[in-house]
PDB file of all heavy atoms in Angstrom:
ATOM      1  N   PHE A   1     -15.840   2.683  -3.053  1.00  0.00           N
ATOM      2  CA  PHE A   1     -15.245   2.328  -4.342  1.00  0.00           C
ATOM      3  C   PHE A   1     -14.310   3.413  -4.874  1.00  0.00           C
ATOM      4  O   PHE A   1     -13.414   3.121  -5.669  1.00  0.00           O
ATOM      5  CB  PHE A   1     -16.345   2.049  -5.375  1.00  0.00           C
ATOM      6  CG  PHE A   1     -17.041   0.738  -5.169  1.00  0.00           C
ATOM      7  CD1 PHE A   1     -18.359   0.689  -4.751  1.00  0.00           C
ATOM      8  CD2 PHE A   1     -16.375  -0.465  -5.366  1.00  0.00           C
ATOM      9  CE1 PHE A   1     -19.006  -0.525  -4.536  1.00  0.00           C
ATOM     10  CE2 PHE A   1     -17.006  -1.684  -5.155  1.00  0.00           C
ATOM     11  CZ  PHE A   1     -18.322  -1.708  -4.749  1.00  0.00           C
ATOM     12  N   LEU A   2     -14.492   4.651  -4.437  1.00  0.00           N
ATOM     13  CA  LEU A   2     -13.639   5.742  -4.919  1.00  0.00           C
ATOM     14  C   LEU A   2     -12.427   5.959  -4.019  1.00  0.00           C
ATOM     15  O   LEU A   2     -11.281   6.029  -4.504  1.00  0.00           O
ATOM     16  CB  LEU A   2     -14.451   7.034  -5.001  1.00  0.00           C
ATOM     17  CG  LEU A   2     -13.656   8.300  -5.375  1.00  0.00           C
ATOM     18  CD1 LEU A   2     -13.124   8.194  -6.803  1.00  0.00           C
ATOM     19  CD2 LEU A   2     -14.521   9.549  -5.207  1.00  0.00           C
ATOM     20  N   ILE A   3     -12.648   6.055  -2.714  1.00  0.00           N
ATOM     21  CA  ILE A   3     -11.587   6.504  -1.802  1.00  0.00           C
ATOM     22  C   ILE A   3     -10.593   5.397  -1.477  1.00  0.00           C
ATOM     23  O   ILE A   3      -9.385   5.657  -1.366  1.00  0.00           O
ATOM     24  CB  ILE A   3     -12.218   7.086  -0.513  1.00  0.00           C
ATOM     25  CG1 ILE A   3     -13.031   8.332  -0.867  1.00  0.00           C
ATOM     26  CG2 ILE A   3     -11.140   7.425   0.506  1.00  0.00           C
ATOM     27  CD1 ILE A   3     -13.790   8.921   0.301  1.00  0.00           C
ATOM     28  N   ILE A   4     -11.059   4.165  -1.337  1.00  0.00           N
ATOM     29  CA  ILE A   4     -10.141   3.076  -0.979  1.00  0.00           C
ATOM     30  C   ILE A   4      -9.011   2.930  -2.000  1.00  0.00           C
ATOM     31  O   ILE A   4      -7.835   2.866  -1.616  1.00  0.00           O
ATOM     32  CB  ILE A   4     -10.916   1.761  -0.780  1.00  0.00           C
ATOM     33  CG1 ILE A   4     -11.688   1.821   0.546  1.00  0.00           C
ATOM     34  CG2 ILE A   4      -9.987   0.561  -0.790  1.00  0.00           C
ATOM     35  CD1 ILE A   4     -12.563   0.620   0.821  1.00  0.00           C
ATOM     36  N   PRO A   5      -9.286   2.904  -3.318  1.00  0.00           N
ATOM     37  CA  PRO A   5      -8.169   2.835  -4.273  1.00  0.00           C
ATOM     38  C   PRO A   5      -7.248   4.057  -4.217  1.00  0.00           C
ATOM     39  O   PRO A   5      -6.031   3.923  -4.366  1.00  0.00           O
ATOM     40  CB  PRO A   5      -8.872   2.747  -5.635  1.00  0.00           C
ATOM     41  CG  PRO A   5     -10.231   2.232  -5.338  1.00  0.00           C
ATOM     42  CD  PRO A   5     -10.593   2.792  -3.999  1.00  0.00           C
ATOM     43  N   ILE A   6      -7.827   5.241  -3.977  1.00  0.00           N
ATOM     44  CA  ILE A   6      -6.997   6.453  -3.899  1.00  0.00           C
ATOM     45  C   ILE A   6      -6.030   6.360  -2.721  1.00  0.00           C
ATOM     46  O   ILE A   6      -4.841   6.683  -2.843  1.00  0.00           O
ATOM     47  CB  ILE A   6      -7.887   7.711  -3.773  1.00  0.00           C
ATOM     48  CG1 ILE A   6      -8.683   7.928  -5.065  1.00  0.00           C
ATOM     49  CG2 ILE A   6      -7.034   8.943  -3.474  1.00  0.00           C
ATOM     50  CD1 ILE A   6      -9.675   9.080  -4.976  1.00  0.00           C
ATOM     51  N   VAL A   7      -6.531   5.912  -1.578  1.00  0.00           N
ATOM     52  CA  VAL A   7      -5.668   5.775  -0.390  1.00  0.00           C
ATOM     53  C   VAL A   7      -4.548   4.776  -0.660  1.00  0.00           C
ATOM     54  O   VAL A   7      -3.383   5.014  -0.309  1.00  0.00           O
ATOM     55  CB  VAL A   7      -6.501   5.345   0.833  1.00  0.00           C
ATOM     56  CG1 VAL A   7      -5.589   4.988   1.999  1.00  0.00           C
ATOM     57  CG2 VAL A   7      -7.469   6.444   1.238  1.00  0.00           C
ATOM     58  N   LEU A   8      -4.869   3.660  -1.301  1.00  0.00           N
ATOM     59  CA  LEU A   8      -3.847   2.654  -1.599  1.00  0.00           C
ATOM     60  C   LEU A   8      -2.757   3.224  -2.494  1.00  0.00           C
ATOM     61  O   LEU A   8      -1.561   2.972  -2.278  1.00  0.00           O
ATOM     62  CB  LEU A   8      -4.490   1.433  -2.258  1.00  0.00           C
ATOM     63  CG  LEU A   8      -5.315   0.521  -1.335  1.00  0.00           C
ATOM     64  CD1 LEU A   8      -5.984  -0.571  -2.149  1.00  0.00           C
ATOM     65  CD2 LEU A   8      -4.443  -0.086  -0.254  1.00  0.00           C
ATOM     66  N   VAL A   9      -3.145   3.995  -3.503  1.00  0.00           N
ATOM     67  CA  VAL A   9      -2.154   4.598  -4.409  1.00  0.00           C
ATOM     68  C   VAL A   9      -1.277   5.592  -3.656  1.00  0.00           C
ATOM     69  O   VAL A   9      -0.046   5.618  -3.825  1.00  0.00           O
ATOM     70  CB  VAL A   9      -2.854   5.277  -5.605  1.00  0.00           C
ATOM     71  CG1 VAL A   9      -1.862   6.092  -6.417  1.00  0.00           C
ATOM     72  CG2 VAL A   9      -3.525   4.229  -6.491  1.00  0.00           C
ATOM     73  N   VAL A  10      -1.885   6.421  -2.817  1.00  0.00           N
ATOM     74  CA  VAL A  10      -1.121   7.409  -2.048  1.00  0.00           C
ATOM     75  C   VAL A  10      -0.102   6.726  -1.144  1.00  0.00           C
ATOM     76  O   VAL A  10       1.079   7.102  -1.102  1.00  0.00           O
ATOM     77  CB  VAL A  10      -2.076   8.297  -1.216  1.00  0.00           C
ATOM     78  CG1 VAL A  10      -1.294   9.117  -0.190  1.00  0.00           C
ATOM     79  CG2 VAL A  10      -2.867   9.221  -2.120  1.00  0.00           C
ATOM     80  N   VAL A  11      -0.552   5.710  -0.422  1.00  0.00           N
ATOM     81  CA  VAL A  11       0.347   5.000   0.492  1.00  0.00           C
ATOM     82  C   VAL A  11       1.455   4.298  -0.295  1.00  0.00           C
ATOM     83  O   VAL A  11       2.625   4.300   0.121  1.00  0.00           O
ATOM     84  CB  VAL A  11      -0.447   3.988   1.340  1.00  0.00           C
ATOM     85  CG1 VAL A  11       0.497   3.119   2.162  1.00  0.00           C
ATOM     86  CG2 VAL A  11      -1.423   4.716   2.258  1.00  0.00           C
ATOM     87  N   LEU A  12       1.116   3.715  -1.421  1.00  0.00           N
ATOM     88  CA  LEU A  12       2.111   3.028  -2.247  1.00  0.00           C
ATOM     89  C   LEU A  12       3.196   3.995  -2.720  1.00  0.00           C
ATOM     90  O   LEU A  12       4.398   3.677  -2.681  1.00  0.00           O
ATOM     91  CB  LEU A  12       1.426   2.377  -3.450  1.00  0.00           C
ATOM     92  CG  LEU A  12       2.319   1.544  -4.374  1.00  0.00           C
ATOM     93  CD1 LEU A  12       2.871   0.327  -3.636  1.00  0.00           C
ATOM     94  CD2 LEU A  12       1.541   1.099  -5.610  1.00  0.00           C
ATOM     95  N   LEU A  13       2.801   5.185  -3.147  1.00  0.00           N
ATOM     96  CA  LEU A  13       3.777   6.172  -3.611  1.00  0.00           C
ATOM     97  C   LEU A  13       4.690   6.630  -2.475  1.00  0.00           C
ATOM     98  O   LEU A  13       5.904   6.790  -2.667  1.00  0.00           O
ATOM     99  CB  LEU A  13       3.056   7.371  -4.231  1.00  0.00           C
ATOM    100  CG  LEU A  13       2.331   7.111  -5.556  1.00  0.00           C
ATOM    101  CD1 LEU A  13       1.569   8.352  -6.001  1.00  0.00           C
ATOM    102  CD2 LEU A  13       3.335   6.692  -6.639  1.00  0.00           C
ATOM    103  N   ILE A  14       4.125   6.838  -1.297  1.00  0.00           N
ATOM    104  CA  ILE A  14       4.951   7.256  -0.156  1.00  0.00           C
ATOM    105  C   ILE A  14       5.966   6.175   0.192  1.00  0.00           C
ATOM    106  O   ILE A  14       7.149   6.463   0.428  1.00  0.00           O
ATOM    107  CB  ILE A  14       4.056   7.579   1.054  1.00  0.00           C
ATOM    108  CG1 ILE A  14       3.235   8.833   0.790  1.00  0.00           C
ATOM    109  CG2 ILE A  14       4.902   7.759   2.315  1.00  0.00           C
ATOM    110  CD1 ILE A  14       2.242   9.155   1.879  1.00  0.00           C
ATOM    111  N   LEU A  15       5.535   4.931   0.214  1.00  0.00           N
ATOM    112  CA  LEU A  15       6.453   3.838   0.513  1.00  0.00           C
ATOM    113  C   LEU A  15       7.545   3.719  -0.543  1.00  0.00           C
ATOM    114  O   LEU A  15       8.710   3.456  -0.222  1.00  0.00           O
ATOM    115  CB  LEU A  15       5.681   2.524   0.611  1.00  0.00           C
ATOM    116  CG  LEU A  15       4.797   2.340   1.853  1.00  0.00           C
ATOM    117  CD1 LEU A  15       3.965   1.061   1.726  1.00  0.00           C
ATOM    118  CD2 LEU A  15       5.648   2.285   3.114  1.00  0.00           C
ATOM    119  N   ALA A  16       7.166   3.901  -1.796  1.00  0.00           N
ATOM    120  CA  ALA A  16       8.160   3.809  -2.873  1.00  0.00           C
ATOM    121  C   ALA A  16       9.223   4.893  -2.737  1.00  0.00           C
ATOM    122  O   ALA A  16      10.426   4.643  -2.928  1.00  0.00           O
ATOM    123  CB  ALA A  16       7.467   3.905  -4.232  1.00  0.00           C
ATOM    124  N   LEU A  17       8.797   6.099  -2.394  1.00  0.00           N
ATOM    125  CA  LEU A  17       9.754   7.188  -2.212  1.00  0.00           C
ATOM    126  C   LEU A  17      10.630   6.964  -0.988  1.00  0.00           C
ATOM    127  O   LEU A  17      11.837   7.232  -1.009  1.00  0.00           O
ATOM    128  CB  LEU A  17       9.004   8.517  -2.082  1.00  0.00           C
ATOM    129  CG  LEU A  17       8.304   9.033  -3.338  1.00  0.00           C
ATOM    130  CD1 LEU A  17       7.449  10.250  -3.014  1.00  0.00           C
ATOM    131  CD2 LEU A  17       9.332   9.385  -4.421  1.00  0.00           C
ATOM    132  N   LEU A  18      10.029   6.464   0.080  1.00  0.00           N
ATOM    133  CA  LEU A  18      10.780   6.271   1.319  1.00  0.00           C
ATOM    134  C   LEU A  18      11.783   5.130   1.205  1.00  0.00           C
ATOM    135  O   LEU A  18      12.942   5.260   1.617  1.00  0.00           O
ATOM    136  CB  LEU A  18       9.801   5.985   2.468  1.00  0.00           C
ATOM    137  CG  LEU A  18      10.435   5.741   3.843  1.00  0.00           C
ATOM    138  CD1 LEU A  18      11.070   7.015   4.375  1.00  0.00           C
ATOM    139  CD2 LEU A  18       9.379   5.231   4.821  1.00  0.00           C
ATOM    140  N   LEU A  19      11.355   4.003   0.637  1.00  0.00           N
ATOM    141  CA  LEU A  19      12.206   2.815   0.567  1.00  0.00           C
ATOM    142  C   LEU A  19      13.011   2.736  -0.727  1.00  0.00           C
ATOM    143  O   LEU A  19      13.857   1.851  -0.865  1.00  0.00           O
ATOM    144  CB  LEU A  19      11.341   1.550   0.718  1.00  0.00           C
ATOM    145  CG  LEU A  19      10.555   1.445   2.035  1.00  0.00           C
ATOM    146  CD1 LEU A  19       9.676   0.206   2.024  1.00  0.00           C
ATOM    147  CD2 LEU A  19      11.503   1.416   3.227  1.00  0.00           C
ATOM    148  N   ARG A  20      12.709   3.633  -1.657  1.00  0.00           N
ATOM    149  CA  ARG A  20      13.421   3.683  -2.953  1.00  0.00           C
ATOM    150  C   ARG A  20      13.430   2.306  -3.625  1.00  0.00           C
ATOM    151  O   ARG A  20      14.458   1.810  -4.070  1.00  0.00           O
ATOM    152  CB  ARG A  20      14.848   4.209  -2.753  1.00  0.00           C
ATOM    153  CG  ARG A  20      14.904   5.696  -2.469  1.00  0.00           C
ATOM    154  CD  ARG A  20      16.239   6.126  -1.932  1.00  0.00           C
ATOM    155  NE  ARG A  20      16.378   5.824  -0.520  1.00  0.00           N
ATOM    156  CZ  ARG A  20      17.471   6.036   0.194  1.00  0.00           C
ATOM    157  NH1 ARG A  20      18.545   6.528  -0.393  1.00  0.00           N
ATOM    158  NH2 ARG A  20      17.514   5.739   1.477  1.00  0.00           N
ATOM    159  N   ALA A  21      12.241   1.709  -3.652  1.00  0.00           N
ATOM    160  CA  ALA A  21      12.088   0.383  -4.240  1.00  0.00           C
ATOM    161  C   ALA A  21      10.671   0.243  -4.777  1.00  0.00           C
ATOM    162  O   ALA A  21       9.804   1.085  -4.514  1.00  0.00           O
ATOM    163  CB  ALA A  21      12.374  -0.701  -3.200  1.00  0.00           C
ATOM    164  N   VAL A  22      10.444  -0.821  -5.528  1.00  0.00           N
ATOM    165  CA  VAL A  22       9.117  -1.117  -6.067  1.00  0.00           C
ATOM    166  C   VAL A  22       8.526  -2.355  -5.395  1.00  0.00           C
ATOM    167  O   VAL A  22       7.358  -2.381  -5.012  1.00  0.00           O
ATOM    168  CB  VAL A  22       9.175  -1.326  -7.594  1.00  0.00           C
ATOM    169  CG1 VAL A  22       7.838  -1.836  -8.122  1.00  0.00           C
ATOM    170  CG2 VAL A  22       9.564  -0.030  -8.291  1.00  0.00           C
ATOM    171  N   VAL A  23       9.354  -3.387  -5.236  1.00  0.00           N
ATOM    172  CA  VAL A  23       8.856  -4.643  -4.681  1.00  0.00           C
ATOM    173  C   VAL A  23       8.434  -4.469  -3.227  1.00  0.00           C
ATOM    174  O   VAL A  23       7.340  -4.904  -2.824  1.00  0.00           O
ATOM    175  CB  VAL A  23       9.920  -5.752  -4.805  1.00  0.00           C
ATOM    176  CG1 VAL A  23       9.447  -7.032  -4.115  1.00  0.00           C
ATOM    177  CG2 VAL A  23      10.229  -6.024  -6.274  1.00  0.00           C
ATOM    178  N   ALA A  24       9.266  -3.844  -2.415  1.00  0.00           N
ATOM    179  CA  ALA A  24       8.966  -3.693  -0.983  1.00  0.00           C
ATOM    180  C   ALA A  24       7.633  -2.976  -0.743  1.00  0.00           C
ATOM    181  O   ALA A  24       6.808  -3.454   0.053  1.00  0.00           O
ATOM    182  CB  ALA A  24      10.109  -2.975  -0.272  1.00  0.00           C
ATOM    183  N   PRO A  25       7.358  -1.841  -1.405  1.00  0.00           N
ATOM    184  CA  PRO A  25       6.053  -1.193  -1.187  1.00  0.00           C
ATOM    185  C   PRO A  25       4.869  -2.076  -1.567  1.00  0.00           C
ATOM    186  O   PRO A  25       3.851  -2.088  -0.868  1.00  0.00           O
ATOM    187  CB  PRO A  25       6.128   0.043  -2.086  1.00  0.00           C
ATOM    188  CG  PRO A  25       7.577   0.329  -2.220  1.00  0.00           C
ATOM    189  CD  PRO A  25       8.246  -1.003  -2.234  1.00  0.00           C
ATOM    190  N   LEU A  26       4.990  -2.817  -2.661  1.00  0.00           N
ATOM    191  CA  LEU A  26       3.894  -3.694  -3.074  1.00  0.00           C
ATOM    192  C   LEU A  26       3.659  -4.790  -2.035  1.00  0.00           C
ATOM    193  O   LEU A  26       2.510  -5.130  -1.715  1.00  0.00           O
ATOM    194  CB  LEU A  26       4.204  -4.317  -4.437  1.00  0.00           C
ATOM    195  CG  LEU A  26       4.173  -3.349  -5.629  1.00  0.00           C
ATOM    196  CD1 LEU A  26       4.679  -4.042  -6.886  1.00  0.00           C
ATOM    197  CD2 LEU A  26       2.758  -2.818  -5.853  1.00  0.00           C
ATOM    198  N   VAL A  27       4.734  -5.340  -1.509  1.00  0.00           N
ATOM    199  CA  VAL A  27       4.612  -6.377  -0.484  1.00  0.00           C
ATOM    200  C   VAL A  27       3.961  -5.809   0.777  1.00  0.00           C
ATOM    201  O   VAL A  27       3.050  -6.422   1.361  1.00  0.00           O
ATOM    202  CB  VAL A  27       5.995  -6.972  -0.154  1.00  0.00           C
ATOM    203  CG1 VAL A  27       5.921  -7.856   1.088  1.00  0.00           C
ATOM    204  CG2 VAL A  27       6.519  -7.769  -1.337  1.00  0.00           C
ATOM    205  N   LEU A  28       4.406  -4.633   1.187  1.00  0.00           N
ATOM    206  CA  LEU A  28       3.866  -4.034   2.408  1.00  0.00           C
ATOM    207  C   LEU A  28       2.390  -3.675   2.247  1.00  0.00           C
ATOM    208  O   LEU A  28       1.590  -3.877   3.171  1.00  0.00           O
ATOM    209  CB  LEU A  28       4.674  -2.793   2.786  1.00  0.00           C
ATOM    210  CG  LEU A  28       6.138  -3.040   3.168  1.00  0.00           C
ATOM    211  CD1 LEU A  28       6.819  -1.730   3.536  1.00  0.00           C
ATOM    212  CD2 LEU A  28       6.241  -4.028   4.320  1.00  0.00           C
ATOM    213  N   ILE A  29       2.020  -3.139   1.094  1.00  0.00           N
ATOM    214  CA  ILE A  29       0.616  -2.817   0.840  1.00  0.00           C
ATOM    215  C   ILE A  29      -0.231  -4.083   0.913  1.00  0.00           C
ATOM    216  O   ILE A  29      -1.321  -4.105   1.502  1.00  0.00           O
ATOM    217  CB  ILE A  29       0.444  -2.140  -0.536  1.00  0.00           C
ATOM    218  CG1 ILE A  29       0.892  -0.683  -0.466  1.00  0.00           C
ATOM    219  CG2 ILE A  29      -0.996  -2.218  -1.004  1.00  0.00           C
ATOM    220  CD1 ILE A  29      -0.063   0.216   0.286  1.00  0.00           C
ATOM    221  N   ALA A  30       0.264  -5.163   0.312  1.00  0.00           N
ATOM    222  CA  ALA A  30      -0.477  -6.426   0.333  1.00  0.00           C
ATOM    223  C   ALA A  30      -0.685  -6.921   1.763  1.00  0.00           C
ATOM    224  O   ALA A  30      -1.765  -7.399   2.120  1.00  0.00           O
ATOM    225  CB  ALA A  30       0.255  -7.482  -0.499  1.00  0.00           C
ATOM    226  N   THR A  31       0.334  -6.784   2.601  1.00  0.00           N
ATOM    227  CA  THR A  31       0.199  -7.256   3.983  1.00  0.00           C
ATOM    228  C   THR A  31      -0.793  -6.410   4.774  1.00  0.00           C
ATOM    229  O   THR A  31      -1.554  -6.937   5.589  1.00  0.00           O
ATOM    230  CB  THR A  31       1.559  -7.251   4.708  1.00  0.00           C
ATOM    231  OG1 THR A  31       2.061  -5.903   4.792  1.00  0.00           O
ATOM    232  CG2 THR A  31       2.572  -8.121   3.986  1.00  0.00           C
ATOM    233  N   VAL A  32      -0.806  -5.103   4.519  1.00  0.00           N
ATOM    234  CA  VAL A  32      -1.733  -4.240   5.245  1.00  0.00           C
ATOM    235  C   VAL A  32      -3.173  -4.495   4.802  1.00  0.00           C
ATOM    236  O   VAL A  32      -4.100  -4.498   5.615  1.00  0.00           O
ATOM    237  CB  VAL A  32      -1.343  -2.758   5.052  1.00  0.00           C
ATOM    238  CG1 VAL A  32      -2.421  -1.851   5.626  1.00  0.00           C
ATOM    239  CG2 VAL A  32      -0.019  -2.464   5.738  1.00  0.00           C
ATOM    240  N   VAL A  33      -3.383  -4.706   3.511  1.00  0.00           N
ATOM    241  CA  VAL A  33      -4.729  -5.025   3.019  1.00  0.00           C
ATOM    242  C   VAL A  33      -5.209  -6.349   3.617  1.00  0.00           C
ATOM    243  O   VAL A  33      -6.367  -6.483   4.017  1.00  0.00           O
ATOM    244  CB  VAL A  33      -4.750  -5.077   1.487  1.00  0.00           C
ATOM    245  CG1 VAL A  33      -6.071  -5.636   0.980  1.00  0.00           C
ATOM    246  CG2 VAL A  33      -4.516  -3.689   0.898  1.00  0.00           C
ATOM    247  N   LEU A  34      -4.308  -7.326   3.696  1.00  0.00           N
ATOM    248  CA  LEU A  34      -4.665  -8.602   4.314  1.00  0.00           C
ATOM    249  C   LEU A  34      -4.998  -8.404   5.790  1.00  0.00           C
ATOM    250  O   LEU A  34      -5.955  -9.001   6.314  1.00  0.00           O
ATOM    251  CB  LEU A  34      -3.518  -9.599   4.158  1.00  0.00           C
ATOM    252  CG  LEU A  34      -3.727 -10.992   4.772  1.00  0.00           C
ATOM    253  CD1 LEU A  34      -4.952 -11.675   4.171  1.00  0.00           C
ATOM    254  CD2 LEU A  34      -2.482 -11.858   4.574  1.00  0.00           C
ATOM    255  N   SER A  35      -4.255  -7.557   6.451  1.00  0.00           N
ATOM    256  CA  SER A  35      -4.522  -7.255   7.860  1.00  0.00           C
ATOM    257  C   SER A  35      -5.890  -6.604   8.012  1.00  0.00           C
ATOM    258  O   SER A  35      -6.666  -6.943   8.922  1.00  0.00           O
ATOM    259  CB  SER A  35      -3.436  -6.329   8.413  1.00  0.00           C
ATOM    260  OG  SER A  35      -3.713  -5.937   9.736  1.00  0.00           O
ATOM    261  N   PHE A  36      -6.212  -5.667   7.120  1.00  0.00           N
ATOM    262  CA  PHE A  36      -7.517  -5.003   7.149  1.00  0.00           C
ATOM    263  C   PHE A  36      -8.646  -6.008   6.949  1.00  0.00           C
ATOM    264  O   PHE A  36      -9.634  -6.010   7.677  1.00  0.00           O
ATOM    265  CB  PHE A  36      -7.565  -3.928   6.058  1.00  0.00           C
ATOM    266  CG  PHE A  36      -8.955  -3.518   5.661  1.00  0.00           C
ATOM    267  CD1 PHE A  36      -9.735  -2.742   6.506  1.00  0.00           C
ATOM    268  CD2 PHE A  36      -9.489  -3.912   4.441  1.00  0.00           C
ATOM    269  CE1 PHE A  36     -11.023  -2.361   6.137  1.00  0.00           C
ATOM    270  CE2 PHE A  36     -10.764  -3.539   4.064  1.00  0.00           C
ATOM    271  CZ  PHE A  36     -11.538  -2.760   4.916  1.00  0.00           C
ATOM    272  N   ALA A  37      -8.488  -6.879   5.954  1.00  0.00           N
ATOM    273  CA  ALA A  37      -9.528  -7.864   5.659  1.00  0.00           C
ATOM    274  C   ALA A  37      -9.748  -8.803   6.839  1.00  0.00           C
ATOM    275  O   ALA A  37     -10.889  -9.130   7.189  1.00  0.00           O
ATOM    276  CB  ALA A  37      -9.160  -8.650   4.403  1.00  0.00           C
ATOM    277  N   SER A  38      -8.665  -9.239   7.462  1.00  0.00           N
ATOM    278  CA  SER A  38      -8.806 -10.153   8.607  1.00  0.00           C
ATOM    279  C   SER A  38      -9.439  -9.452   9.796  1.00  0.00           C
ATOM    280  O   SER A  38     -10.263 -10.037  10.512  1.00  0.00           O
ATOM    281  CB  SER A  38      -7.442 -10.733   8.985  1.00  0.00           C
ATOM    282  OG  SER A  38      -6.528  -9.710   9.317  1.00  0.00           O
ATOM    283  N   ALA A  39      -9.081  -8.178  10.022  1.00  0.00           N
ATOM    284  CA  ALA A  39      -9.683  -7.424  11.122  1.00  0.00           C
ATOM    285  C   ALA A  39     -11.170  -7.208  10.868  1.00  0.00           C
ATOM    286  O   ALA A  39     -11.995  -7.326  11.787  1.00  0.00           O
ATOM    287  CB  ALA A  39      -8.984  -6.080  11.293  1.00  0.00           C
TER     288      ALA A  39
END
């Protein structure tokens, strides 16, 4: 309950800085979480 949200925030910030966007990082995070859940 503590670490999973922290990791998501860290990854989201890195994607936002790399892609210089807001929508793209949110979409990518959603796809990875869905991938994790299905796995």
